[in-house]
Amino acid sequence: MTKRESAVDTTDRRTVLGRLTAAGLGLGLLGLGIPARAGGAGMAMKAGMTEKDFRMGVIGPATLSRMVSQLAVERATQANAREFARFELREAIAVTTVLKELKTPVPPMDAKARATLTKIETAAPGLDFDRAYVTAQYENHVFLRDLATTYLANTTPSEPTFPEQQGRHLATLALNQFTEHVELTARILRELGS
């Protein structure tokens, strides 16, 4: 690779990262609507996932996360739950924006996602609300971490198509944030006495 190719590659990644970050995406990427668990398209994790499968697995959770994080920004009472909600809301907005630009269709919310949304919407103010929101975010990020891990483990990096290469880049970046958000929400749940 020449110095110019390296600079272009770095610039392209910086452009993508900058765009995601500017949109508020620390890449904790998403929220709820978990396929086959709390919503989404009901997609089970499978070997040989495509970048489209990965995007479809992410957009439902991101859409629901945006909705519940908006509620949490307004209603969360515990300082760390409220802070997490602010970060997660910006990330969910960014993720849904990027995925929609990639022409990723938003699946309809299934019964489990609607139940999750209703549980958070109707939770009593204070500790009950904070626990409902953070528990849903924890479960969601465990799913997303596992989705990214499965996708990365079951795609081949040799001679990938451009979309698959971009999907792998997105999943690689997202995996760090998904893992971080699992740890953050687990800590906040401990603080909440869950």
N, C-alpha and C. Protein backbone atom coordinates (compact mmCIF):
# COMPACT_ATOMS: atom_id res chain seq x y z
N MET A 1 0.85 -1.17 0.00
CA MET A 1 0.00 0.00 0.00
C MET A 1 0.89 1.24 0.00
N THR A 2 0.62 2.13 -0.89
CA THR A 2 1.41 3.36 -0.96
C THR A 2 0.97 4.32 0.14
N LYS A 3 1.78 5.33 0.34
CA LYS A 3 1.46 6.34 1.35
C LYS A 3 0.13 7.04 0.99
N ARG A 4 -0.07 7.30 -0.31
CA ARG A 4 -1.31 7.96 -0.75
C ARG A 4 -2.51 7.05 -0.50
N GLU A 5 -2.40 5.75 -0.83
CA GLU A 5 -3.51 4.82 -0.58
C GLU A 5 -3.81 4.74 0.91
N SER A 6 -2.76 4.72 1.71
CA SER A 6 -2.95 4.69 3.15
C SER A 6 -3.67 5.93 3.64
N ALA A 7 -3.30 7.10 3.09
CA ALA A 7 -3.94 8.36 3.48
C ALA A 7 -5.40 8.38 3.06
N VAL A 8 -5.70 7.85 1.88
CA VAL A 8 -7.09 7.80 1.41
C VAL A 8 -7.89 6.87 2.30
N ASP A 9 -7.34 5.69 2.60
CA ASP A 9 -8.02 4.73 3.46
C ASP A 9 -8.29 5.35 4.83
N THR A 10 -7.30 6.03 5.40
CA THR A 10 -7.45 6.68 6.69
C THR A 10 -8.49 7.79 6.60
N THR A 11 -8.45 8.55 5.52
CA THR A 11 -9.43 9.63 5.36
C THR A 11 -10.83 9.07 5.26
N ASP A 12 -11.02 7.99 4.49
CA ASP A 12 -12.34 7.39 4.36
C ASP A 12 -12.86 6.93 5.71
N ARG A 13 -12.03 6.26 6.49
CA ARG A 13 -12.44 5.82 7.82
C ARG A 13 -12.71 7.01 8.72
N ARG A 14 -11.84 8.01 8.64
CA ARG A 14 -12.05 9.21 9.46
C ARG A 14 -13.35 9.90 9.07
N THR A 15 -13.64 9.94 7.77
CA THR A 15 -14.87 10.56 7.32
C THR A 15 -16.07 9.82 7.89
N VAL A 16 -16.05 8.49 7.78
CA VAL A 16 -17.14 7.68 8.31
C VAL A 16 -17.25 7.87 9.82
N LEU A 17 -16.14 7.74 10.53
CA LEU A 17 -16.16 7.90 11.98
C LEU A 17 -16.59 9.30 12.37
N GLY A 18 -16.08 10.29 11.66
CA GLY A 18 -16.45 11.67 11.96
C GLY A 18 -17.93 11.90 11.77
N ARG A 19 -18.45 11.34 10.70
CA ARG A 19 -19.87 11.50 10.40
C ARG A 19 -20.73 10.83 11.47
N LEU A 20 -20.32 9.62 11.86
CA LEU A 20 -21.06 8.92 12.90
C LEU A 20 -20.97 9.65 14.22
N THR A 21 -19.77 10.11 14.57
CA THR A 21 -19.57 10.82 15.82
C THR A 21 -20.31 12.15 15.81
N ALA A 22 -20.26 12.87 14.70
CA ALA A 22 -20.96 14.15 14.61
C ALA A 22 -22.45 13.96 14.79
N ALA A 23 -22.94 12.82 14.37
CA ALA A 23 -24.36 12.54 14.54
C ALA A 23 -24.65 12.03 15.94
N GLY A 24 -23.63 11.92 16.77
CA GLY A 24 -23.82 11.51 18.15
C GLY A 24 -23.58 10.03 18.38
N LEU A 25 -22.98 9.35 17.44
CA LEU A 25 -22.83 7.91 17.53
C LEU A 25 -21.50 7.55 18.14
N GLY A 26 -21.45 7.36 19.45
CA GLY A 26 -20.28 6.80 20.06
C GLY A 26 -20.30 5.33 19.71
N LEU A 27 -21.19 4.97 18.88
CA LEU A 27 -21.48 3.64 18.36
C LEU A 27 -22.00 2.69 19.40
N GLY A 28 -22.55 3.13 20.45
CA GLY A 28 -23.26 2.25 21.35
C GLY A 28 -24.48 1.85 20.60
N LEU A 29 -24.61 2.32 19.47
CA LEU A 29 -25.53 2.02 18.39
C LEU A 29 -26.86 1.52 18.83
N LEU A 30 -27.58 1.69 19.43
CA LEU A 30 -28.87 1.11 19.41
C LEU A 30 -29.50 0.90 20.74
N GLY A 31 -30.61 0.38 20.62
CA GLY A 31 -31.46 0.31 21.75
C GLY A 31 -32.26 -0.93 21.87
N LEU A 32 -33.46 -1.01 21.42
CA LEU A 32 -34.30 -2.13 21.77
C LEU A 32 -34.87 -2.78 20.53
N GLY A 33 -36.07 -3.23 20.56
CA GLY A 33 -36.66 -3.89 19.41
C GLY A 33 -35.82 -5.08 18.99
N ILE A 34 -35.37 -5.83 19.95
CA ILE A 34 -34.41 -6.88 19.69
C ILE A 34 -35.04 -8.00 18.88
N PRO A 35 -34.50 -8.28 17.70
CA PRO A 35 -35.05 -9.37 16.91
C PRO A 35 -35.08 -10.67 17.71
N ALA A 36 -36.20 -11.34 17.64
CA ALA A 36 -36.42 -12.63 18.26
C ALA A 36 -36.38 -12.57 19.78
N ARG A 37 -36.26 -11.39 20.38
CA ARG A 37 -36.28 -11.30 21.84
C ARG A 37 -37.15 -10.15 22.31
N ALA A 38 -36.88 -8.96 21.86
CA ALA A 38 -37.72 -7.84 22.30
C ALA A 38 -38.22 -7.05 21.10
N GLY A 39 -38.23 -7.64 19.94
CA GLY A 39 -38.79 -6.94 18.79
C GLY A 39 -38.01 -7.16 17.54
N GLY A 40 -38.20 -6.27 16.59
CA GLY A 40 -37.46 -6.33 15.35
C GLY A 40 -38.04 -7.32 14.38
N ALA A 41 -37.22 -7.78 13.48
CA ALA A 41 -37.68 -8.60 12.38
C ALA A 41 -37.73 -10.09 12.70
N GLY A 42 -37.41 -10.49 13.92
CA GLY A 42 -37.44 -11.89 14.27
C GLY A 42 -36.29 -12.68 13.68
N MET A 43 -35.22 -11.98 13.30
CA MET A 43 -34.06 -12.63 12.69
C MET A 43 -33.24 -13.36 13.73
N ALA A 44 -33.07 -14.64 13.56
CA ALA A 44 -32.21 -15.40 14.45
C ALA A 44 -30.77 -15.24 13.99
N MET A 45 -29.82 -15.33 14.92
CA MET A 45 -28.42 -15.24 14.52
C MET A 45 -28.07 -16.51 13.77
N LYS A 46 -27.32 -16.35 12.71
CA LYS A 46 -27.00 -17.49 11.87
C LYS A 46 -25.60 -17.34 11.30
N ALA A 47 -25.05 -18.45 10.91
CA ALA A 47 -23.75 -18.42 10.23
C ALA A 47 -23.99 -17.87 8.82
N GLY A 48 -22.99 -17.20 8.28
CA GLY A 48 -23.08 -16.70 6.93
C GLY A 48 -23.96 -15.47 6.79
N MET A 49 -24.11 -14.70 7.86
CA MET A 49 -24.90 -13.46 7.77
C MET A 49 -24.28 -12.52 6.75
N THR A 50 -25.12 -11.77 6.08
CA THR A 50 -24.64 -10.74 5.17
C THR A 50 -24.65 -9.40 5.88
N GLU A 51 -24.08 -8.40 5.22
CA GLU A 51 -24.10 -7.07 5.82
C GLU A 51 -25.54 -6.57 5.92
N LYS A 52 -26.39 -6.97 4.99
CA LYS A 52 -27.80 -6.59 5.08
C LYS A 52 -28.45 -7.23 6.30
N ASP A 53 -28.15 -8.50 6.56
CA ASP A 53 -28.67 -9.16 7.77
C ASP A 53 -28.24 -8.39 9.02
N PHE A 54 -26.97 -7.96 9.03
CA PHE A 54 -26.47 -7.22 10.17
C PHE A 54 -27.22 -5.89 10.32
N ARG A 55 -27.35 -5.15 9.23
CA ARG A 55 -28.07 -3.87 9.28
C ARG A 55 -29.52 -4.07 9.73
N MET A 56 -30.17 -5.11 9.20
CA MET A 56 -31.56 -5.38 9.56
C MET A 56 -31.68 -5.76 11.04
N GLY A 57 -30.65 -6.42 11.56
CA GLY A 57 -30.65 -6.77 12.98
C GLY A 57 -30.45 -5.58 13.89
N VAL A 58 -29.89 -4.50 13.36
CA VAL A 58 -29.57 -3.33 14.15
C VAL A 58 -30.66 -2.26 14.09
N ILE A 59 -31.32 -2.08 12.97
CA ILE A 59 -32.20 -0.92 12.81
C ILE A 59 -33.44 -0.97 13.70
N GLY A 60 -34.02 -2.13 13.91
CA GLY A 60 -35.18 -2.22 14.82
C GLY A 60 -34.80 -1.81 16.24
N PRO A 61 -33.74 -2.39 16.78
CA PRO A 61 -33.30 -1.98 18.11
C PRO A 61 -32.96 -0.49 18.19
N ALA A 62 -32.36 0.05 17.16
CA ALA A 62 -32.00 1.47 17.17
C ALA A 62 -33.23 2.36 17.18
N THR A 63 -34.24 1.96 16.44
CA THR A 63 -35.46 2.74 16.37
C THR A 63 -36.17 2.76 17.71
N LEU A 64 -36.31 1.61 18.34
CA LEU A 64 -36.96 1.56 19.64
C LEU A 64 -36.10 2.25 20.70
N SER A 65 -34.80 2.11 20.61
CA SER A 65 -33.91 2.77 21.57
C SER A 65 -34.08 4.28 21.51
N ARG A 66 -34.24 4.78 20.30
CA ARG A 66 -34.45 6.22 20.13
C ARG A 66 -35.70 6.65 20.90
N MET A 67 -36.77 5.87 20.78
CA MET A 67 -38.03 6.20 21.43
C MET A 67 -37.91 6.15 22.96
N VAL A 68 -37.36 5.06 23.48
CA VAL A 68 -37.30 4.92 24.94
C VAL A 68 -36.23 5.80 25.56
N SER A 69 -35.17 6.07 24.82
CA SER A 69 -34.13 6.96 25.34
C SER A 69 -34.64 8.40 25.43
N GLN A 70 -35.49 8.79 24.50
CA GLN A 70 -36.11 10.12 24.59
C GLN A 70 -36.93 10.22 25.87
N LEU A 71 -37.69 9.17 26.18
CA LEU A 71 -38.44 9.14 27.44
C LEU A 71 -37.50 9.22 28.63
N ALA A 72 -36.41 8.45 28.56
CA ALA A 72 -35.48 8.39 29.70
C ALA A 72 -34.75 9.71 29.91
N VAL A 73 -34.45 10.42 28.84
CA VAL A 73 -33.81 11.74 28.98
C VAL A 73 -34.72 12.64 29.82
N GLU A 74 -36.01 12.51 29.63
CA GLU A 74 -36.97 13.34 30.35
C GLU A 74 -37.33 12.78 31.73
N ARG A 75 -37.31 11.44 31.88
CA ARG A 75 -37.88 10.85 33.10
C ARG A 75 -36.89 10.16 34.03
N ALA A 76 -35.72 9.78 33.56
CA ALA A 76 -34.78 9.07 34.44
C ALA A 76 -34.37 9.97 35.60
N THR A 77 -34.25 9.38 36.76
CA THR A 77 -33.92 10.17 37.95
C THR A 77 -32.51 9.90 38.46
N GLN A 78 -32.03 8.68 38.31
CA GLN A 78 -30.67 8.37 38.78
C GLN A 78 -29.68 8.99 37.80
N ALA A 79 -28.66 9.65 38.32
CA ALA A 79 -27.73 10.44 37.49
C ALA A 79 -27.11 9.62 36.36
N ASN A 80 -26.63 8.42 36.64
CA ASN A 80 -25.97 7.63 35.60
C ASN A 80 -26.96 7.08 34.58
N ALA A 81 -28.18 6.77 35.00
CA ALA A 81 -29.21 6.34 34.05
C ALA A 81 -29.56 7.50 33.12
N ARG A 82 -29.69 8.68 33.67
CA ARG A 82 -30.01 9.87 32.86
C ARG A 82 -28.88 10.19 31.88
N GLU A 83 -27.63 10.10 32.36
CA GLU A 83 -26.48 10.35 31.48
C GLU A 83 -26.43 9.32 30.35
N PHE A 84 -26.62 8.04 30.69
CA PHE A 84 -26.62 7.00 29.67
C PHE A 84 -27.71 7.27 28.64
N ALA A 85 -28.89 7.68 29.09
CA ALA A 85 -30.00 7.95 28.17
C ALA A 85 -29.64 9.06 27.19
N ARG A 86 -28.96 10.10 27.66
CA ARG A 86 -28.57 11.19 26.74
C ARG A 86 -27.62 10.68 25.67
N PHE A 87 -26.61 9.91 26.08
CA PHE A 87 -25.66 9.36 25.11
C PHE A 87 -26.36 8.39 24.16
N GLU A 88 -27.19 7.54 24.70
CA GLU A 88 -27.87 6.53 23.89
C GLU A 88 -28.83 7.18 22.89
N LEU A 89 -29.51 8.23 23.29
CA LEU A 89 -30.42 8.92 22.37
C LEU A 89 -29.65 9.48 21.18
N ARG A 90 -28.53 10.14 21.44
CA ARG A 90 -27.74 10.69 20.32
C ARG A 90 -27.24 9.56 19.42
N GLU A 91 -26.82 8.47 20.02
CA GLU A 91 -26.34 7.34 19.22
C GLU A 91 -27.46 6.72 18.39
N ALA A 92 -28.62 6.55 18.99
CA ALA A 92 -29.75 5.95 18.26
C ALA A 92 -30.18 6.83 17.10
N ILE A 93 -30.18 8.14 17.30
CA ILE A 93 -30.50 9.06 16.21
C ILE A 93 -29.48 8.89 15.08
N ALA A 94 -28.22 8.84 15.45
CA ALA A 94 -27.16 8.69 14.44
C ALA A 94 -27.27 7.37 13.71
N VAL A 95 -27.48 6.31 14.45
CA VAL A 95 -27.54 4.98 13.84
C VAL A 95 -28.72 4.88 12.88
N THR A 96 -29.89 5.32 13.31
CA THR A 96 -31.04 5.22 12.42
C THR A 96 -30.85 6.09 11.19
N THR A 97 -30.22 7.23 11.35
CA THR A 97 -29.94 8.09 10.20
C THR A 97 -29.02 7.40 9.20
N VAL A 98 -27.92 6.85 9.70
CA VAL A 98 -26.96 6.17 8.83
C VAL A 98 -27.60 4.95 8.17
N LEU A 99 -28.32 4.14 8.93
CA LEU A 99 -28.92 2.93 8.36
C LEU A 99 -30.01 3.27 7.34
N LYS A 100 -30.76 4.32 7.58
CA LYS A 100 -31.77 4.74 6.59
C LYS A 100 -31.09 5.24 5.32
N GLU A 101 -29.96 5.95 5.46
CA GLU A 101 -29.22 6.38 4.27
C GLU A 101 -28.70 5.20 3.48
N LEU A 102 -28.47 4.08 4.16
CA LEU A 102 -28.03 2.85 3.50
C LEU A 102 -29.22 2.04 2.99
N LYS A 103 -30.40 2.67 3.01
CA LYS A 103 -31.64 2.06 2.49
C LYS A 103 -32.06 0.83 3.28
N THR A 104 -31.79 0.84 4.58
CA THR A 104 -32.20 -0.27 5.45
C THR A 104 -33.65 -0.04 5.87
N PRO A 105 -34.55 -0.95 5.51
CA PRO A 105 -35.95 -0.77 5.90
C PRO A 105 -36.15 -0.99 7.40
N VAL A 106 -37.05 -0.23 7.99
CA VAL A 106 -37.36 -0.38 9.41
C VAL A 106 -38.48 -1.41 9.54
N PRO A 107 -38.20 -2.52 10.23
CA PRO A 107 -39.25 -3.53 10.37
C PRO A 107 -40.32 -3.04 11.35
N PRO A 108 -41.54 -3.54 11.20
CA PRO A 108 -42.58 -3.16 12.16
C PRO A 108 -42.23 -3.73 13.54
N MET A 109 -42.66 -3.02 14.57
CA MET A 109 -42.42 -3.48 15.92
C MET A 109 -43.25 -4.73 16.19
N ASP A 110 -42.63 -5.75 16.73
CA ASP A 110 -43.39 -6.94 17.05
C ASP A 110 -43.97 -6.82 18.47
N ALA A 111 -44.68 -7.85 18.89
CA ALA A 111 -45.37 -7.81 20.19
C ALA A 111 -44.40 -7.62 21.35
N LYS A 112 -43.26 -8.26 21.28
CA LYS A 112 -42.27 -8.16 22.37
C LYS A 112 -41.72 -6.73 22.45
N ALA A 113 -41.44 -6.12 21.32
CA ALA A 113 -40.95 -4.73 21.32
C ALA A 113 -42.02 -3.79 21.84
N ARG A 114 -43.27 -3.99 21.41
CA ARG A 114 -44.36 -3.15 21.92
C ARG A 114 -44.51 -3.31 23.43
N ALA A 115 -44.35 -4.55 23.91
CA ALA A 115 -44.45 -4.79 25.36
C ALA A 115 -43.32 -4.08 26.11
N THR A 116 -42.13 -4.10 25.53
CA THR A 116 -40.99 -3.40 26.15
C THR A 116 -41.26 -1.91 26.20
N LEU A 117 -41.74 -1.35 25.11
CA LEU A 117 -42.05 0.07 25.06
C LEU A 117 -43.13 0.42 26.08
N THR A 118 -44.19 -0.38 26.14
CA THR A 118 -45.27 -0.12 27.09
C THR A 118 -44.78 -0.21 28.53
N LYS A 119 -43.94 -1.20 28.81
CA LYS A 119 -43.40 -1.36 30.17
C LYS A 119 -42.63 -0.11 30.59
N ILE A 120 -41.84 0.42 29.69
CA ILE A 120 -41.04 1.61 30.01
C ILE A 120 -41.95 2.84 30.10
N GLU A 121 -42.89 2.97 29.17
CA GLU A 121 -43.80 4.12 29.18
C GLU A 121 -44.65 4.17 30.45
N THR A 122 -45.04 3.01 30.96
CA THR A 122 -45.96 2.96 32.09
C THR A 122 -45.27 2.75 33.43
N ALA A 123 -43.96 2.62 33.44
CA ALA A 123 -43.24 2.42 34.71
C ALA A 123 -43.44 3.63 35.62
N ALA A 124 -43.56 3.35 36.90
CA ALA A 124 -43.70 4.43 37.89
C ALA A 124 -42.44 5.30 37.86
N PRO A 125 -42.62 6.59 38.07
CA PRO A 125 -41.45 7.49 38.08
C PRO A 125 -40.44 7.06 39.15
N GLY A 126 -39.19 7.39 38.89
CA GLY A 126 -38.13 7.08 39.85
C GLY A 126 -37.47 5.75 39.57
N LEU A 127 -37.24 5.01 40.62
CA LEU A 127 -36.48 3.76 40.55
C LEU A 127 -37.09 2.74 39.58
N ASP A 128 -38.42 2.61 39.58
CA ASP A 128 -39.06 1.63 38.67
C ASP A 128 -38.79 1.98 37.21
N PHE A 129 -38.92 3.26 36.87
CA PHE A 129 -38.65 3.67 35.50
C PHE A 129 -37.19 3.43 35.15
N ASP A 130 -36.28 3.87 36.01
CA ASP A 130 -34.85 3.71 35.74
C ASP A 130 -34.48 2.25 35.53
N ARG A 131 -35.00 1.38 36.38
CA ARG A 131 -34.71 -0.06 36.25
C ARG A 131 -35.26 -0.61 34.94
N ALA A 132 -36.50 -0.24 34.60
CA ALA A 132 -37.10 -0.76 33.36
C ALA A 132 -36.28 -0.32 32.15
N TYR A 133 -35.90 0.93 32.12
CA TYR A 133 -35.13 1.47 30.98
C TYR A 133 -33.74 0.82 30.90
N VAL A 134 -33.02 0.81 31.99
CA VAL A 134 -31.64 0.30 31.95
C VAL A 134 -31.62 -1.21 31.73
N THR A 135 -32.58 -1.94 32.28
CA THR A 135 -32.65 -3.38 32.04
C THR A 135 -32.87 -3.66 30.56
N ALA A 136 -33.78 -2.93 29.94
CA ALA A 136 -34.04 -3.11 28.50
C ALA A 136 -32.79 -2.79 27.69
N GLN A 137 -32.08 -1.73 28.06
CA GLN A 137 -30.85 -1.36 27.35
C GLN A 137 -29.76 -2.41 27.54
N TYR A 138 -29.66 -2.96 28.74
CA TYR A 138 -28.68 -4.03 28.99
C TYR A 138 -28.98 -5.22 28.08
N GLU A 139 -30.22 -5.70 28.10
CA GLU A 139 -30.58 -6.87 27.29
C GLU A 139 -30.35 -6.60 25.80
N ASN A 140 -30.69 -5.40 25.37
CA ASN A 140 -30.50 -5.03 23.98
C ASN A 140 -29.03 -5.06 23.58
N HIS A 141 -28.20 -4.50 24.41
CA HIS A 141 -26.77 -4.44 24.06
C HIS A 141 -26.10 -5.80 24.14
N VAL A 142 -26.59 -6.69 24.99
CA VAL A 142 -26.09 -8.08 24.98
C VAL A 142 -26.42 -8.69 23.61
N PHE A 143 -27.66 -8.50 23.15
CA PHE A 143 -28.05 -9.02 21.84
C PHE A 143 -27.17 -8.43 20.74
N LEU A 144 -27.01 -7.11 20.76
CA LEU A 144 -26.24 -6.44 19.70
C LEU A 144 -24.77 -6.87 19.71
N ARG A 145 -24.21 -7.02 20.89
CA ARG A 145 -22.83 -7.51 21.00
C ARG A 145 -22.72 -8.89 20.36
N ASP A 146 -23.66 -9.75 20.69
CA ASP A 146 -23.65 -11.11 20.14
C ASP A 146 -23.90 -11.11 18.63
N LEU A 147 -24.78 -10.22 18.16
CA LEU A 147 -25.04 -10.09 16.73
C LEU A 147 -23.78 -9.70 15.98
N ALA A 148 -23.08 -8.67 16.46
CA ALA A 148 -21.85 -8.20 15.81
C ALA A 148 -20.78 -9.28 15.85
N THR A 149 -20.66 -9.95 16.99
CA THR A 149 -19.67 -11.02 17.12
C THR A 149 -19.95 -12.14 16.14
N THR A 150 -21.21 -12.55 16.04
CA THR A 150 -21.59 -13.63 15.12
C THR A 150 -21.34 -13.22 13.68
N TYR A 151 -21.74 -11.99 13.33
CA TYR A 151 -21.52 -11.51 11.97
C TYR A 151 -20.04 -11.51 11.62
N LEU A 152 -19.22 -10.96 12.50
CA LEU A 152 -17.79 -10.89 12.22
C LEU A 152 -17.13 -12.27 12.16
N ALA A 153 -17.60 -13.19 12.98
CA ALA A 153 -17.03 -14.53 13.01
C ALA A 153 -17.44 -15.37 11.80
N ASN A 154 -18.54 -14.99 11.16
CA ASN A 154 -19.09 -15.82 10.09
C ASN A 154 -19.06 -15.17 8.72
N THR A 155 -18.24 -14.14 8.57
CA THR A 155 -18.03 -13.55 7.25
C THR A 155 -16.55 -13.66 6.94
N THR A 156 -16.24 -13.74 5.68
CA THR A 156 -14.84 -13.89 5.30
C THR A 156 -14.26 -12.56 4.87
N PRO A 157 -13.15 -12.16 5.46
CA PRO A 157 -12.54 -10.88 5.09
C PRO A 157 -11.80 -10.91 3.75
N SER A 158 -11.52 -12.08 3.19
CA SER A 158 -10.78 -12.13 1.94
C SER A 158 -11.71 -11.84 0.76
N GLU A 159 -11.30 -10.87 -0.07
CA GLU A 159 -12.04 -10.48 -1.27
C GLU A 159 -13.52 -10.18 -1.02
N PRO A 160 -13.84 -9.41 0.02
CA PRO A 160 -15.25 -9.11 0.24
C PRO A 160 -15.75 -8.07 -0.77
N THR A 161 -17.05 -8.07 -1.00
CA THR A 161 -17.64 -7.02 -1.83
C THR A 161 -17.56 -5.71 -1.03
N PHE A 162 -17.72 -4.59 -1.72
CA PHE A 162 -17.65 -3.31 -1.04
C PHE A 162 -18.70 -3.21 0.09
N PRO A 163 -19.97 -3.59 -0.15
CA PRO A 163 -20.94 -3.52 0.96
C PRO A 163 -20.55 -4.41 2.14
N GLU A 164 -20.04 -5.62 1.85
CA GLU A 164 -19.65 -6.51 2.94
C GLU A 164 -18.46 -5.92 3.71
N GLN A 165 -17.54 -5.31 3.00
CA GLN A 165 -16.39 -4.68 3.64
C GLN A 165 -16.88 -3.57 4.57
N GLN A 166 -17.80 -2.74 4.09
CA GLN A 166 -18.34 -1.66 4.91
C GLN A 166 -19.13 -2.21 6.11
N GLY A 167 -19.86 -3.30 5.87
CA GLY A 167 -20.58 -3.95 6.97
C GLY A 167 -19.65 -4.45 8.04
N ARG A 168 -18.53 -5.04 7.62
CA ARG A 168 -17.53 -5.51 8.59
C ARG A 168 -16.92 -4.33 9.35
N HIS A 169 -16.67 -3.24 8.65
CA HIS A 169 -16.11 -2.06 9.33
C HIS A 169 -17.09 -1.54 10.39
N LEU A 170 -18.36 -1.43 10.00
CA LEU A 170 -19.37 -0.95 10.93
C LEU A 170 -19.49 -1.88 12.13
N ALA A 171 -19.55 -3.18 11.88
CA ALA A 171 -19.68 -4.15 12.97
C ALA A 171 -18.45 -4.14 13.87
N THR A 172 -17.27 -3.97 13.30
CA THR A 172 -16.04 -3.93 14.10
C THR A 172 -16.06 -2.72 15.04
N LEU A 173 -16.45 -1.57 14.50
CA LEU A 173 -16.54 -0.37 15.33
C LEU A 173 -17.65 -0.50 16.38
N ALA A 174 -18.76 -1.03 15.97
CA ALA A 174 -19.90 -1.14 16.87
C ALA A 174 -19.66 -2.13 18.00
N LEU A 175 -18.94 -3.20 17.72
CA LEU A 175 -18.72 -4.23 18.73
C LEU A 175 -18.10 -3.66 20.00
N ASN A 176 -17.17 -2.75 19.85
CA ASN A 176 -16.56 -2.13 21.03
C ASN A 176 -17.62 -1.41 21.87
N GLN A 177 -18.45 -0.64 21.21
CA GLN A 177 -19.47 0.12 21.93
C GLN A 177 -20.54 -0.78 22.51
N PHE A 178 -20.93 -1.81 21.78
CA PHE A 178 -21.93 -2.74 22.33
C PHE A 178 -21.39 -3.36 23.62
N THR A 179 -20.14 -3.78 23.57
CA THR A 179 -19.52 -4.41 24.75
C THR A 179 -19.44 -3.40 25.89
N GLU A 180 -19.02 -2.18 25.58
CA GLU A 180 -18.94 -1.14 26.60
C GLU A 180 -20.31 -0.85 27.21
N HIS A 181 -21.33 -0.82 26.40
CA HIS A 181 -22.66 -0.52 26.91
C HIS A 181 -23.23 -1.66 27.74
N VAL A 182 -22.85 -2.89 27.45
CA VAL A 182 -23.23 -4.01 28.31
C VAL A 182 -22.64 -3.77 29.71
N GLU A 183 -21.37 -3.42 29.76
CA GLU A 183 -20.71 -3.19 31.04
C GLU A 183 -21.28 -1.97 31.76
N LEU A 184 -21.52 -0.89 31.04
CA LEU A 184 -22.08 0.32 31.67
C LEU A 184 -23.48 0.06 32.24
N THR A 185 -24.34 -0.57 31.45
CA THR A 185 -25.69 -0.81 31.94
C THR A 185 -25.70 -1.81 33.09
N ALA A 186 -24.81 -2.80 33.07
CA ALA A 186 -24.70 -3.74 34.19
C ALA A 186 -24.30 -2.99 35.46
N ARG A 187 -23.36 -2.06 35.34
CA ARG A 187 -22.94 -1.27 36.51
C ARG A 187 -24.08 -0.40 37.01
N ILE A 188 -24.80 0.25 36.10
CA ILE A 188 -25.91 1.12 36.51
C ILE A 188 -27.00 0.28 37.19
N LEU A 189 -27.25 -0.92 36.67
CA LEU A 189 -28.24 -1.80 37.32
C LEU A 189 -27.82 -2.17 38.73
N ARG A 190 -26.53 -2.41 38.94
CA ARG A 190 -26.04 -2.68 40.30
C ARG A 190 -26.28 -1.46 41.20
N GLU A 191 -26.02 -0.27 40.66
CA GLU A 191 -26.26 0.96 41.43
C GLU A 191 -27.73 1.12 41.77
N LEU A 192 -28.60 0.64 40.89
CA LEU A 192 -30.04 0.74 41.11
C LEU A 192 -30.57 -0.39 42.01
N GLY A 193 -29.66 -1.27 42.43
CA GLY A 193 -30.07 -2.37 43.31
C GLY A 193 -30.77 -3.49 42.59
N SER A 194 -30.48 -3.66 41.30
CA SER A 194 -31.12 -4.72 40.52
C SER A 194 -30.27 -5.97 40.51
